[in-house]
Protein backbone atom coordinates (compact mmCIF):
# COMPACT_ATOMS: atom_id res chain seq x y z
CA MET A 1 121.53 94.26 76.45
CA VAL A 2 124.60 96.24 75.68
CA PHE A 3 127.08 97.16 78.36
CA HIS A 4 128.91 100.23 78.80
CA PHE A 5 132.40 100.53 80.86
CA VAL A 6 133.12 103.76 81.95
CA ASN A 7 136.66 104.56 83.45
CA ALA A 8 136.08 105.10 87.30
CA GLU A 9 139.39 107.04 87.46
CA PHE A 10 138.25 109.24 84.44
CA MET A 11 134.78 110.08 85.83
CA SER A 12 136.07 111.12 89.45
CA ALA A 13 138.91 113.39 87.84
CA PRO A 14 138.13 117.23 88.40
CA LYS A 15 136.82 119.05 85.26
CA LEU A 16 139.61 120.54 83.04
CA SER A 17 139.17 123.84 81.86
CA THR A 18 139.83 124.94 78.26
CA GLU A 19 141.18 128.24 79.40
CA PRO A 20 144.69 129.02 79.17
CA TYR A 21 146.43 129.98 82.34
CA LYS A 22 145.55 133.34 83.76
CA GLY A 23 147.67 136.35 82.18
CA THR A 24 148.75 134.02 79.15
CA ARG A 25 147.30 133.56 75.58
CA ASP A 26 146.52 130.64 73.13
CA PHE A 27 147.96 131.43 69.73
CA TYR A 28 145.42 130.31 66.69
CA PRO A 29 146.79 130.39 63.33
CA GLU A 30 144.92 133.79 62.89
CA ASP A 31 147.01 135.01 66.12
CA MET A 32 150.17 133.50 64.90
CA PHE A 33 149.86 135.39 61.53
CA ILE A 34 149.87 138.64 63.44
CA GLN A 35 152.69 137.61 65.66
CA LYS A 36 154.65 136.45 62.73
CA TYR A 37 154.12 139.60 61.22
CA ILE A 38 155.14 141.77 64.35
CA PHE A 39 158.49 139.76 64.95
CA GLU A 40 159.29 139.86 61.02
CA ILE A 41 158.84 143.78 61.19
CA MET A 42 161.29 144.01 64.04
CA ARG A 43 163.88 141.87 62.79
CA LYS A 44 164.01 143.33 59.37
CA THR A 45 164.15 146.90 60.90
CA VAL A 46 166.98 146.28 63.71
CA GLU A 47 169.19 144.23 61.11
CA GLN A 48 169.13 146.86 58.77
CA TYR A 49 171.01 148.77 61.53
CA GLY A 50 173.66 145.54 61.62
CA TYR A 51 172.07 143.82 64.68
CA VAL A 52 172.44 140.38 65.25
CA GLU A 53 170.32 137.78 67.12
CA TYR A 54 171.06 136.13 70.27
CA ASP A 55 169.04 133.76 72.78
CA ALA A 56 169.12 132.23 76.18
CA SER A 57 167.38 130.22 78.66
CA ILE A 58 164.01 131.26 80.23
CA LEU A 59 165.77 130.23 83.49
CA GLU A 60 168.12 132.38 85.47
CA GLU A 61 169.64 132.17 89.12
CA THR A 62 167.30 134.64 91.19
CA ALA A 63 170.37 136.15 92.42
CA LEU A 64 170.89 137.92 89.03
CA TYR A 65 167.50 139.94 89.56
CA LYS A 66 167.91 140.72 92.87
CA ALA A 67 171.24 142.41 91.97
CA LYS A 68 169.89 144.63 89.63
CA SER A 69 166.41 144.66 88.63
CA GLY A 70 164.76 146.12 91.77
CA SER A 71 163.20 143.99 94.93
CA GLU A 72 159.76 145.17 93.79
CA ILE A 73 160.14 143.06 90.45
CA VAL A 74 161.76 140.16 92.53
CA ASP A 75 159.39 140.23 95.49
CA GLU A 76 156.46 140.77 93.93
CA GLN A 77 156.40 139.89 90.15
CA THR A 78 158.85 136.77 89.52
CA TYR A 79 158.02 133.14 89.00
CA SER A 80 160.57 131.90 91.55
CA PHE A 81 161.30 128.45 92.93
CA THR A 82 163.97 126.25 94.56
CA ASP A 83 164.83 123.15 92.10
CA ARG A 84 165.55 119.78 93.34
CA GLY A 85 169.45 120.95 93.73
CA GLY A 86 168.43 123.50 96.07
CA ARG A 87 168.86 126.52 93.91
CA ASP A 88 167.00 129.53 93.94
CA ILE A 89 165.60 129.98 90.09
CA THR A 90 163.65 132.43 88.63
CA ILE A 91 161.62 132.23 85.05
CA ARG A 92 162.99 135.40 83.15
CA PRO A 93 160.89 138.58 84.01
CA GLU A 94 163.21 140.47 81.71
CA MET A 95 166.33 140.12 79.21
CA THR A 96 168.56 142.61 79.97
CA PRO A 97 170.26 141.13 83.08
CA THR A 98 170.70 137.87 81.03
CA VAL A 99 172.19 139.65 77.97
CA ALA A 100 174.70 141.33 80.42
CA ARG A 101 175.77 138.26 82.12
CA MET A 102 176.44 136.86 78.53
CA VAL A 103 178.60 139.88 77.60
CA ALA A 104 180.56 139.60 80.93
CA ARG A 105 181.07 135.76 80.76
CA LYS A 106 182.62 135.87 77.02
CA ARG A 107 184.11 139.73 77.37
CA LYS A 108 187.46 138.91 76.46
CA GLU A 109 186.49 137.22 73.40
CA LEU A 110 183.62 139.50 71.57
CA ALA A 111 184.49 142.06 69.25
CA PHE A 112 182.83 145.47 70.78
CA PRO A 113 181.03 147.28 69.95
CA LEU A 114 178.23 144.63 70.21
CA ARG A 115 174.69 145.14 68.29
CA TRP A 116 172.52 142.27 69.97
CA TYR A 117 168.75 141.75 69.51
CA SER A 118 166.36 139.01 70.80
CA ILE A 119 162.59 138.23 70.95
CA PRO A 120 162.45 136.28 74.26
CA ASN A 121 159.19 134.71 75.98
CA LEU A 122 158.96 136.55 79.42
CA PHE A 123 157.03 135.93 82.37
CA ARG A 124 155.83 138.53 85.21
CA TYR A 125 153.38 137.29 88.03
CA GLU A 126 151.13 140.61 88.24
CA ARG A 127 147.37 141.49 87.47
CA PRO A 128 146.40 140.80 83.93
CA GLN A 129 144.92 143.97 82.37
CA ARG A 130 144.85 145.57 78.90
CA GLY A 131 148.65 145.87 77.69
CA ARG A 132 150.02 144.05 80.53
CA LEU A 133 150.00 139.93 80.85
CA ARG A 134 151.99 137.57 82.85
CA GLU A 135 153.40 136.05 79.79
CA HIS A 136 154.45 138.20 76.52
CA TRP A 137 156.85 138.41 74.04
CA GLN A 138 159.43 141.32 74.03
CA LEU A 139 162.07 142.42 71.32
CA ASN A 140 165.32 143.62 73.02
CA VAL A 141 167.57 145.74 71.30
CA ASP A 142 171.03 146.66 72.99
CA VAL A 143 174.25 148.13 72.24
CA PHE A 144 177.53 147.33 74.18
CA GLY A 145 180.98 149.15 74.08
CA ILE A 146 179.82 153.00 72.97
CA GLU A 147 180.00 155.56 75.92
CA SER A 148 178.99 158.36 73.51
CA ILE A 149 175.67 159.89 73.20
CA ASP A 150 175.37 158.54 69.44
CA ALA A 151 174.74 155.27 70.78
CA ASP A 152 171.47 156.60 72.77
CA VAL A 153 170.60 158.33 69.57
CA GLU A 154 171.11 154.93 67.59
CA ALA A 155 168.66 153.25 69.85
CA ILE A 156 166.03 155.67 69.82
CA SER A 157 166.35 155.80 66.06
CA VAL A 158 165.81 152.15 65.56
CA SER A 159 162.50 152.43 67.98
CA TYR A 160 161.39 155.16 65.57
CA ASP A 161 162.04 153.14 62.59
CA ILE A 162 160.44 150.18 63.99
CA MET A 163 157.16 152.19 64.53
CA LYS A 164 157.54 153.53 61.08
CA ALA A 165 158.01 150.38 59.68
CA PHE A 166 154.32 149.28 61.03
CA GLY A 167 152.87 152.12 59.59
CA ALA A 168 152.75 154.77 62.59
CA GLN A 169 152.18 158.44 61.99
CA ASP A 170 154.31 160.79 63.85
CA GLU A 171 151.21 162.35 65.45
CA SER A 172 150.36 159.11 66.87
CA PHE A 173 153.34 158.61 69.18
CA LYS A 174 155.52 160.47 71.45
CA ILE A 175 159.08 159.87 72.53
CA ARG A 176 159.56 160.89 76.13
CA LEU A 177 163.03 161.56 77.41
CA ASN A 178 164.68 161.71 81.09
CA ASN A 179 167.81 161.32 82.28
CA ARG A 180 168.91 159.39 85.38
CA LYS A 181 171.80 161.54 85.94
CA LEU A 182 169.33 164.48 86.18
CA ILE A 183 167.16 162.44 89.01
CA ASN A 184 169.96 161.11 90.90
CA PHE A 185 171.32 165.24 91.24
CA LEU A 186 167.82 166.36 92.03
CA LEU A 187 167.56 163.60 95.07
CA HIS A 188 171.09 163.83 96.36
CA GLU A 189 172.48 167.28 95.30
CA TYR A 190 169.22 169.67 95.05
CA PHE A 191 167.32 168.01 98.00
CA LYS A 192 170.13 166.46 99.48
CA LEU A 193 168.42 163.16 100.58
CA ASN A 194 169.89 160.24 102.31
CA HIS A 195 169.83 157.12 100.19
CA GLU A 196 166.74 155.68 101.71
CA ASP A 197 164.66 158.85 101.31
CA ALA A 198 166.09 158.90 97.60
CA TYR A 199 165.13 155.80 96.86
CA LYS A 200 161.81 156.22 98.14
CA LEU A 201 161.08 159.56 96.34
CA SER A 202 162.35 157.79 93.04
CA LYS A 203 160.00 154.88 93.29
CA LEU A 204 157.06 157.50 94.08
CA ILE A 205 158.20 159.15 90.87
CA ASP A 206 157.56 156.30 89.17
CA ARG A 207 154.23 155.42 90.46
CA LYS A 208 152.99 158.94 90.17
CA LEU A 209 150.70 158.32 87.10
CA LYS A 210 149.14 155.00 88.87
CA MET A 211 148.29 157.02 92.05
CA LYS A 212 145.47 159.83 93.09
CA GLU A 213 147.14 163.05 93.12
CA GLU A 214 146.44 163.60 96.78
CA VAL A 215 148.24 160.89 97.70
CA PHE A 216 150.93 161.50 95.80
CA LEU A 217 151.54 164.74 97.39
CA GLU A 218 150.83 163.47 100.82
CA GLN A 219 153.66 160.83 100.22
CA SER A 220 155.87 163.50 98.70
CA LYS A 221 155.64 165.91 101.74
CA GLU A 222 156.12 163.06 104.17
CA ILE A 223 160.02 162.71 102.42
CA LEU A 224 160.35 166.43 101.19
CA GLY A 225 158.45 168.36 103.79
CA ASP A 226 158.29 172.30 102.85
CA ARG A 227 160.30 171.41 100.01
CA VAL A 228 157.48 169.44 98.06
CA GLN A 229 156.60 172.88 95.95
CA ALA A 230 160.06 172.70 94.07
CA PHE A 231 159.71 168.90 93.62
CA LEU A 232 156.16 169.80 91.85
CA ASP A 233 157.83 172.38 89.92
CA PHE A 234 160.26 170.01 88.63
CA LEU A 235 157.65 167.58 87.77
CA ALA A 236 155.59 170.36 86.08
CA ALA A 237 158.44 171.31 83.59
CA LYS A 238 157.49 170.65 80.01
CA THR A 239 160.79 171.60 78.49
CA LEU A 240 164.29 171.71 79.77
CA ASP A 241 164.45 175.69 79.88
CA GLN A 242 161.79 175.24 82.59
CA LEU A 243 163.75 173.65 85.02
CA SER A 244 165.12 175.97 87.84
CA PRO A 245 168.69 177.37 87.35
CA GLU A 246 170.24 175.35 90.08
CA LEU A 247 169.45 172.33 87.73
CA GLN A 248 170.57 173.72 84.44
CA GLU A 249 174.21 172.81 84.72
CA ASN A 250 173.73 169.43 85.43
CA ASP A 251 175.33 166.56 83.28
CA GLY A 252 172.11 165.08 82.65
CA ILE A 253 170.68 168.31 81.24
CA GLU A 254 173.60 168.72 78.87
CA GLN A 255 173.17 165.24 77.68
CA LEU A 256 169.42 165.68 76.94
CA ARG A 257 170.25 168.91 75.22
CA LEU A 258 172.46 167.15 72.80
CA LEU A 259 170.19 163.88 72.45
CA MET A 260 167.37 166.11 71.35
CA GLU A 261 169.48 167.95 68.81
CA LYS A 262 171.12 165.09 67.33
CA LEU A 263 167.30 163.41 67.01
CA GLU A 264 166.21 166.59 65.34
CA LYS A 265 168.92 166.18 63.04
CA ARG A 266 167.48 162.91 62.05
CA ASN A 267 163.95 164.30 61.57
CA ILE A 268 162.70 162.63 64.78
CA LYS A 269 160.71 165.58 65.76
CA ASN A 270 158.21 164.24 68.04
CA VAL A 271 160.13 164.14 71.11
CA VAL A 272 159.41 165.81 74.54
CA PHE A 273 161.11 165.92 77.80
CA ASP A 274 159.11 164.33 80.64
CA PRO A 275 160.67 164.96 84.25
CA SER A 276 158.47 162.15 85.68
CA LEU A 277 159.91 159.67 83.59
CA MET A 278 161.93 157.02 85.51
CA ARG A 279 161.54 153.50 84.10
CA GLY A 280 161.20 150.88 86.66
CA PHE A 281 164.49 149.16 86.57
CA ASP A 282 167.31 150.26 89.26
CA TYR A 283 169.87 149.68 86.63
CA TYR A 284 169.56 152.56 84.41
CA THR A 285 172.60 155.20 84.51
CA GLY A 286 171.90 157.92 81.93
CA PRO A 287 169.17 158.69 79.61
CA VAL A 288 166.06 156.73 79.59
CA PHE A 289 162.91 156.71 76.99
CA GLU A 290 159.64 155.68 76.44
CA VAL A 291 157.35 155.58 73.28
CA TYR A 292 153.82 156.84 74.32
CA ASP A 293 150.71 156.21 72.22
CA THR A 294 148.76 159.44 71.95
CA SER A 295 145.41 157.90 71.03
CA PRO A 296 142.82 159.20 73.91
CA THR A 297 141.48 155.26 73.68
CA ASN A 298 144.92 153.99 74.44
CA ASN A 299 146.74 156.79 75.73
CA ARG A 300 149.70 154.69 77.41
CA SER A 301 153.67 153.75 77.53
CA LEU A 302 154.15 151.42 74.50
CA PHE A 303 157.82 150.55 75.27
CA GLY A 304 161.25 151.99 76.24
CA GLY A 305 164.72 151.84 77.65
CA GLY A 306 167.88 153.54 78.37
CA ARG A 307 171.27 153.39 79.34
CA TYR A 308 173.06 151.12 81.98
CA ASP A 309 176.68 151.76 81.87
CA ASP A 310 176.99 149.59 85.28
CA LEU A 311 175.23 146.42 84.45
CA VAL A 312 177.98 144.13 82.99
CA GLY A 313 180.38 145.38 85.97
CA ILE A 314 177.86 143.62 88.94
CA PHE A 315 179.62 140.23 87.86
CA ASN A 316 183.05 141.95 89.20
CA VAL A 317 184.58 142.29 85.67
CA GLU A 318 185.51 145.69 84.27
CA LYS A 319 182.32 147.81 83.39
CA VAL A 320 180.94 148.05 79.81
CA PRO A 321 178.80 150.86 78.54
CA GLY A 322 175.32 149.43 77.37
CA ILE A 323 172.15 151.13 76.26
CA GLY A 324 169.09 149.23 75.13
CA PHE A 325 164.97 149.05 74.79
CA GLY A 326 162.58 146.55 75.06
CA MET A 327 159.25 146.44 73.04
CA GLY A 328 156.71 143.82 74.00
CA ASP A 329 153.87 142.38 71.54
CA VAL A 330 151.19 143.13 73.86
CA THR A 331 151.23 146.57 73.62
CA ILE A 332 152.49 146.95 70.09
CA ARG A 333 149.56 144.78 68.92
CA ASP A 334 146.95 146.99 70.90
CA TYR A 335 148.53 150.00 69.77
CA LEU A 336 148.41 148.53 65.56
CA GLU A 337 144.81 147.72 66.43
CA THR A 338 143.99 151.04 67.78
CA TYR A 339 145.15 152.50 64.42
CA GLU A 340 143.74 149.75 62.13
CA LEU A 341 147.59 148.69 61.18
CA LEU A 342 147.19 145.10 61.43
CA PRO A 343 147.28 143.35 58.43
CA LYS A 344 144.45 140.94 57.08
CA TYR A 345 144.97 137.18 57.90
CA GLN A 346 146.69 135.38 55.12
CA SER A 347 146.52 131.76 55.09
CA PRO A 348 150.69 130.59 54.14
CA THR A 349 148.82 127.70 52.04
CA ASP A 350 148.74 128.64 48.22
CA LEU A 351 146.28 125.72 46.85
CA TYR A 352 143.88 123.34 47.87
CA ILE A 353 143.31 120.16 46.21
CA CYS A 354 139.69 118.70 46.01
CA ARG A 355 139.34 114.88 44.89
CA LEU A 356 136.05 113.51 43.35
CA SER A 357 137.31 110.12 44.43
CA ALA A 358 139.86 108.19 46.37
CA ASP A 359 140.71 106.74 42.44
CA GLN A 360 142.78 109.83 42.01
CA SER A 361 145.00 109.78 45.28
CA GLU A 362 148.04 108.54 43.59
CA PHE A 363 147.66 111.22 41.03
CA ILE A 364 146.93 113.76 43.50
CA GLU A 365 150.05 112.65 45.65
CA GLU A 366 152.06 113.08 42.70
CA LEU A 367 150.54 116.44 41.73
CA SER A 368 151.15 117.75 45.27
CA HIS A 369 154.60 116.74 45.15
CA THR A 370 155.52 118.28 41.76
CA LEU A 371 153.88 121.66 42.87
CA ARG A 372 155.59 121.69 46.35
CA LYS A 373 159.00 121.30 44.49
CA ASN A 374 157.88 124.24 42.55
CA GLY A 375 157.49 126.70 45.58
CA LEU A 376 153.72 126.12 46.23
CA ASN A 377 152.22 125.26 49.67
CA VAL A 378 149.71 122.53 48.74
CA ILE A 379 146.73 120.65 50.92
CA ALA A 380 145.68 117.70 49.25
CA ASP A 381 142.18 116.65 50.59
CA LEU A 382 142.68 113.29 51.91
CA SER A 383 139.05 112.59 53.21
CA ASN A 384 136.03 111.17 51.31
CA ARG A 385 133.95 114.36 52.05
CA LYS A 386 131.39 115.54 49.27
CA LEU A 387 133.11 117.89 47.15
CA ASP A 388 131.20 121.00 48.57
CA SER A 389 132.47 120.10 52.06
CA GLN A 390 135.89 120.38 50.53
CA ILE A 391 135.43 123.64 49.08
CA LYS A 392 134.20 125.06 52.34
CA SER A 393 137.01 123.80 54.22
CA ALA A 394 139.59 125.37 52.09
CA ASP A 395 137.37 128.80 52.13
CA LYS A 396 137.23 128.74 55.91
CA GLN A 397 140.91 128.40 56.19
CA GLY A 398 141.58 131.30 53.93
CA ILE A 399 143.25 129.41 51.25
CA PRO A 400 143.15 131.61 47.95
CA TYR A 401 143.05 128.86 45.56
CA ILE A 402 141.47 125.56 44.62
CA ILE A 403 141.54 122.83 42.02
CA VAL A 404 139.41 119.81 41.56
CA VAL A 405 140.67 116.54 40.42
CA GLY A 406 138.59 113.85 38.96
CA GLU A 407 139.17 111.33 36.41
CA ASN A 408 139.05 113.70 33.40
CA GLU A 409 141.74 116.15 35.29
CA ALA A 410 143.80 113.18 36.02
CA LYS A 411 144.01 112.29 32.37
CA THR A 412 144.31 115.41 30.46
CA LYS A 413 146.41 116.90 33.48
CA THR A 414 144.72 120.24 32.81
CA PHE A 415 142.57 121.95 35.75
CA LYS A 416 140.07 124.63 36.34
CA LEU A 417 141.75 126.93 38.95
CA LYS A 418 139.26 128.81 41.12
CA ASN A 419 140.47 132.13 43.03
CA LEU A 420 138.02 131.81 46.07
CA GLN A 421 138.19 135.60 47.01
CA THR A 422 137.11 136.75 43.36
CA ARG A 423 135.31 133.39 42.24
CA HIS A 424 137.46 133.66 38.94
CA GLU A 425 138.26 130.53 37.15
CA GLN A 426 140.54 129.73 34.66
CA GLU A 427 142.07 126.65 32.88
CA VAL A 428 145.53 125.63 34.10
CA THR A 429 148.18 122.82 33.26
CA ILE A 430 150.90 121.36 35.88
CA GLU A 431 153.32 123.64 34.11
CA ASN A 432 151.64 126.82 34.14
CA LEU A 433 149.84 126.69 37.54
CA PRO A 434 152.69 127.63 40.00
CA SER A 435 153.45 131.00 37.82
CA ILE A 436 150.03 131.71 37.74
CA ILE A 437 149.25 131.32 41.61
CA LYS A 438 152.54 133.40 42.47
CA LYS A 439 151.64 136.40 40.14
């Protein structure tokens, strides 16, 4: 009689799910290949403009976000908790307040203007949907210390060049522009709203595309009364010239005209004025922009940014002008999939060495070491599986080349190199094998 002993604690434990936490992703090798590709394009492009990489902890004091990100984000979208020291902590939902804190901290030591970038992991508690998850990575590109519109031009140019580096055609995306100075003038000078009503209307503009038209109109009337038609006319404008004469002399309009003119000179022509563009963060002070996908199947904002000249000043130090943008990995991957711009998976391993028996183990170990020193990424099969199973394993992993080592190969030090994609075979030696694979 055979007795089987089962751990009682294991039997009573709840069944664990194999699914990732809601709104997050597992990255299998094929997913990591895509993620690495996206990050490499981002890094290469921004570094061409002289941007340097920085990073910081994912934990920040909650007060940092309450100060400038906006109450909606802090109250409804953050992962916040009280630590064991009684401090209110938030897992970062965005990177801009963090980089502003870093600049404020060492502003006396830094060589301005700064061109910094990072690709941080960010977390927001919101309803997962296409293009929006609870966890994502985001390229953040920021310039500090330049007041002129030329910094805004550069930020938009960098974002445009990243899209082109991914293989995007101009007709597949638009760059939408607006200016917070124009919006502030509209709310406070043109409509003469008090602070509370101005804030309500600004948030209403930001949510416009997510609301039913009749609901948007009703809530607008509650704030503006019989002036609501002038508000709707403003939002309907397709060009700066279509705005009412009372708005034409506004500083925000002048900045937008100059910005568009300079972008045109850089041959960036897929730029449009969008009076409803707000960007959700409260810290923007000037031009704002968003890159939109024009595809009917993925017609949405991909990423964006804007100017925030007052953000560093919230730390009770002198103001430092800044402008930046954030490009999330979720939306850009959706875009690349929509236009079939994702690269085909390629294994980082160059060669798989199959063995006919354990007798060749020592030789294969030496061979692998030699090939790795010559720049190849090599897997040496350590199992006792049949040759057919070893070859299938290499093929399934997407490894392009294999050699089989038996007693004869170990003696002669010559091998048949097989390309698993083309099925072509050729005889090689230890000396010429690396150069043939790298061709």
